[in-house]
Structure formats: structure tokens, C-alpha cells
Amino acid sequence: MSRIATRIVRLGVAGSVAALMAMPAISATRPDQPVQAWPAMAGVDTATLLEQAQDLPTSDMAVGDQPYCAADAEIQQTLRHDFNETPVPGDGHAATELWASDQMGTWTLVAPRRDDTSCIIASGIGYDQARDVDVYYQTAGLR
């Protein structure tokens, strides 16, 4: 095989690998994917976590299993960096914020607190910006 043909084959293989690696992200945003949710703490429903969020210690001071609570800037950085999530415009529900990613198809419910900290109280998959935001609150058990 000539040098040029070998280069063409290598570029083709590299392109195929890149396309295959992108497939999970592309499939994560399927409009027919069902919306699913999980509370941030096993065995405790999201509504209860929302009630308790104002009194939970930040995660660096926690003594057991609890939702992730930290400074607002840290929560925002984590959601943006790790999940490519951004705030979804809207009124929220019970003073919560919905963060979501069109790219990843993930979503997170955040409970802001009076002391410039927040707690993540639920998360899920199946985010699609075409859906009404109430779907995510209902799935998490808040409506």
C-alpha cells in the first residue's frame, strides 16, 4: 500500500473512532427518552430533602450520608464542568433551581439556601428543552 493510501486509511479510522465516541452524547438527547429521577439520598424522597436542605451541613462538614451541599459557586462549577448543565429559565418550584444539559440529557434540582450555599436534592436523565419544565418537578416528586 502506498504512503498516501496508508494515510487515508489512518484518517478514516481516526474519524470513525471519533464518531463512535460521540455516539453516547448524541443518543443521550433522544426526544423519546423517558424522564427519570433519583433523590440525592437513597431512601429519602425529594420533598423531604427540600424541607431539610436549609438545615443540612455543607458536605465538607457532614458526618454521614446526605445530599451534596456546598457554596453556590462550587455547585455551579460542578454542574457546568462535570455535566455541561446550565440553569433552565423559569420560576422553579418551592424555591428550587432546575439545571440541565441538552448535550448530555441530564438534569439536576438544586435547593438554594439563605447562606449563599445550595444542596443538590435530585437528579435525572431524559432532559429535553422541548418538554415543559413541570415534567422534571413531577418526576422528582415535587408537584
Protein backbone atom coordinates (compact mmCIF):
# COMPACT_ATOMS: atom_id res chain seq x y z
CA MET A 1 0.00 0.00 0.00
CA SER A 2 1.35 3.41 -0.88
CA ARG A 3 2.15 6.04 1.69
CA ILE A 4 -0.83 8.21 0.64
CA ALA A 5 -3.24 5.27 0.79
CA THR A 6 -1.98 4.39 4.28
CA ARG A 7 -2.57 7.98 5.43
CA ILE A 8 -6.09 7.95 4.01
CA VAL A 9 -6.87 4.69 5.81
CA ARG A 10 -5.48 6.04 9.11
CA LEU A 11 -7.50 9.25 8.81
CA GLY A 12 -10.62 7.22 8.03
CA VAL A 13 -10.08 5.02 11.08
CA ALA A 14 -9.42 8.05 13.29
CA GLY A 15 -12.62 9.71 12.02
CA SER A 16 -14.61 6.54 12.67
CA VAL A 17 -13.29 6.30 16.23
CA ALA A 18 -14.17 9.95 16.87
CA ALA A 19 -17.70 9.41 15.52
CA LEU A 20 -18.19 6.31 17.67
CA MET A 21 -17.03 8.17 20.77
CA ALA A 22 -19.57 10.93 20.09
CA MET A 23 -22.48 8.47 19.83
CA PRO A 24 -23.28 8.25 23.58
CA ALA A 25 -23.63 12.05 23.79
CA ILE A 26 -25.78 12.14 20.68
CA SER A 27 -28.01 9.32 21.89
CA ALA A 28 -28.35 10.95 25.32
CA THR A 29 -30.55 13.67 23.84
CA ARG A 30 -33.15 11.43 22.19
CA PRO A 31 -36.54 13.16 22.36
CA ASP A 32 -38.24 9.83 23.13
CA GLN A 33 -36.03 9.06 26.14
CA PRO A 34 -38.18 8.72 29.27
CA VAL A 35 -37.63 11.20 32.07
CA GLN A 36 -36.24 9.50 35.17
CA ALA A 37 -35.29 10.96 38.56
CA TRP A 38 -33.44 9.94 41.69
CA PRO A 39 -33.42 11.73 45.04
CA ALA A 40 -29.97 12.80 46.22
CA MET A 41 -30.16 10.45 49.19
CA ALA A 42 -31.31 6.85 48.98
CA GLY A 43 -34.48 6.13 50.90
CA VAL A 44 -35.48 9.79 51.30
CA ASP A 45 -37.92 11.42 48.87
CA THR A 46 -37.08 14.72 47.18
CA ALA A 47 -39.81 16.69 49.01
CA THR A 48 -38.32 15.69 52.37
CA LEU A 49 -34.82 16.60 51.20
CA LEU A 50 -36.12 20.01 50.13
CA GLU A 51 -37.59 20.55 53.62
CA GLN A 52 -34.31 19.52 55.27
CA ALA A 53 -31.96 21.35 52.87
CA GLN A 54 -31.81 24.60 54.87
CA ASP A 55 -30.51 22.78 57.96
CA LEU A 56 -28.01 20.35 56.43
CA PRO A 57 -24.29 20.99 56.97
CA THR A 58 -22.15 21.57 53.92
CA SER A 59 -20.68 18.37 52.59
CA ASP A 60 -17.19 19.10 53.91
CA MET A 61 -18.67 19.11 57.44
CA ALA A 62 -21.14 16.24 57.03
CA VAL A 63 -20.94 13.25 59.31
CA GLY A 64 -22.91 10.78 57.20
CA ASP A 65 -24.78 10.24 54.04
CA GLN A 66 -26.51 13.40 52.91
CA PRO A 67 -27.13 15.40 49.73
CA TYR A 68 -24.22 17.36 48.28
CA CYS A 69 -24.31 20.83 49.86
CA ALA A 70 -21.66 23.47 49.13
CA ALA A 71 -21.07 27.10 48.25
CA ASP A 72 -23.21 28.27 45.34
CA ALA A 73 -20.11 28.85 43.19
CA GLU A 74 -18.90 25.29 43.81
CA ILE A 75 -22.28 23.76 42.95
CA GLN A 76 -22.48 25.85 39.76
CA GLN A 77 -18.92 24.98 38.74
CA THR A 78 -19.54 21.27 39.32
CA LEU A 79 -22.77 21.20 37.30
CA ARG A 80 -21.22 23.22 34.45
CA HIS A 81 -17.92 21.35 34.31
CA ASP A 82 -18.94 17.75 35.08
CA PHE A 83 -22.34 17.64 33.37
CA ASN A 84 -22.38 20.64 31.00
CA GLU A 85 -25.55 21.78 32.78
CA THR A 86 -26.83 25.35 32.86
CA PRO A 87 -29.79 26.93 34.67
CA VAL A 88 -33.15 26.41 32.95
CA PRO A 89 -35.17 29.63 32.86
CA GLY A 90 -38.40 29.53 34.84
CA ASP A 91 -39.94 30.11 38.21
CA GLY A 92 -38.79 26.81 39.64
CA HIS A 93 -40.84 25.12 42.30
CA ALA A 94 -40.68 25.74 46.01
CA ALA A 95 -37.61 27.94 45.54
CA THR A 96 -35.58 25.34 43.67
CA GLU A 97 -33.48 25.73 40.54
CA LEU A 98 -33.50 23.36 37.60
CA TRP A 99 -30.17 22.86 35.84
CA ALA A 100 -29.96 20.77 32.67
CA SER A 101 -27.84 19.77 29.70
CA ASP A 102 -29.16 19.46 26.16
CA GLN A 103 -25.91 17.74 25.23
CA MET A 104 -25.90 15.11 27.98
CA GLY A 105 -29.65 14.81 28.56
CA THR A 106 -29.13 15.17 32.34
CA TRP A 107 -30.88 17.45 34.82
CA THR A 108 -30.43 18.43 38.46
CA LEU A 109 -32.65 20.07 41.08
CA VAL A 110 -30.81 22.47 43.36
CA ALA A 111 -32.16 23.96 46.59
CA PRO A 112 -30.54 27.37 47.23
CA ARG A 113 -30.14 28.39 50.86
CA ARG A 114 -30.07 31.70 52.69
CA ASP A 115 -26.32 31.46 53.42
CA ASP A 116 -25.07 31.50 49.77
CA THR A 117 -24.85 27.73 49.70
CA SER A 118 -27.05 25.18 47.94
CA CYS A 119 -27.90 21.49 48.11
CA ILE A 120 -28.49 19.11 45.24
CA ILE A 121 -31.72 17.35 46.10
CA ALA A 122 -32.44 15.30 42.95
CA SER A 123 -31.07 14.48 39.53
CA GLY A 124 -32.16 12.61 36.50
CA ILE A 125 -31.94 11.81 32.82
CA GLY A 126 -34.19 12.43 29.85
CA TYR A 127 -33.86 16.21 29.67
CA ASP A 128 -35.21 17.78 26.50
CA GLN A 129 -35.71 21.53 26.27
CA ALA A 130 -38.90 20.92 24.25
CA ARG A 131 -40.58 19.39 27.34
CA ASP A 132 -42.45 21.50 29.86
CA VAL A 133 -40.24 22.03 32.93
CA ASP A 134 -43.07 20.80 35.17
CA VAL A 135 -42.29 17.28 33.92
CA TYR A 136 -38.96 17.30 35.80
CA TYR A 137 -40.52 18.56 39.04
CA GLN A 138 -43.32 15.99 38.78
CA THR A 139 -40.86 13.17 38.09
CA ALA A 140 -38.80 14.23 41.12
CA GLY A 141 -41.96 14.23 43.27
CA LEU A 142 -42.32 17.98 43.85
CA ARG A 143 -45.63 18.64 42.02
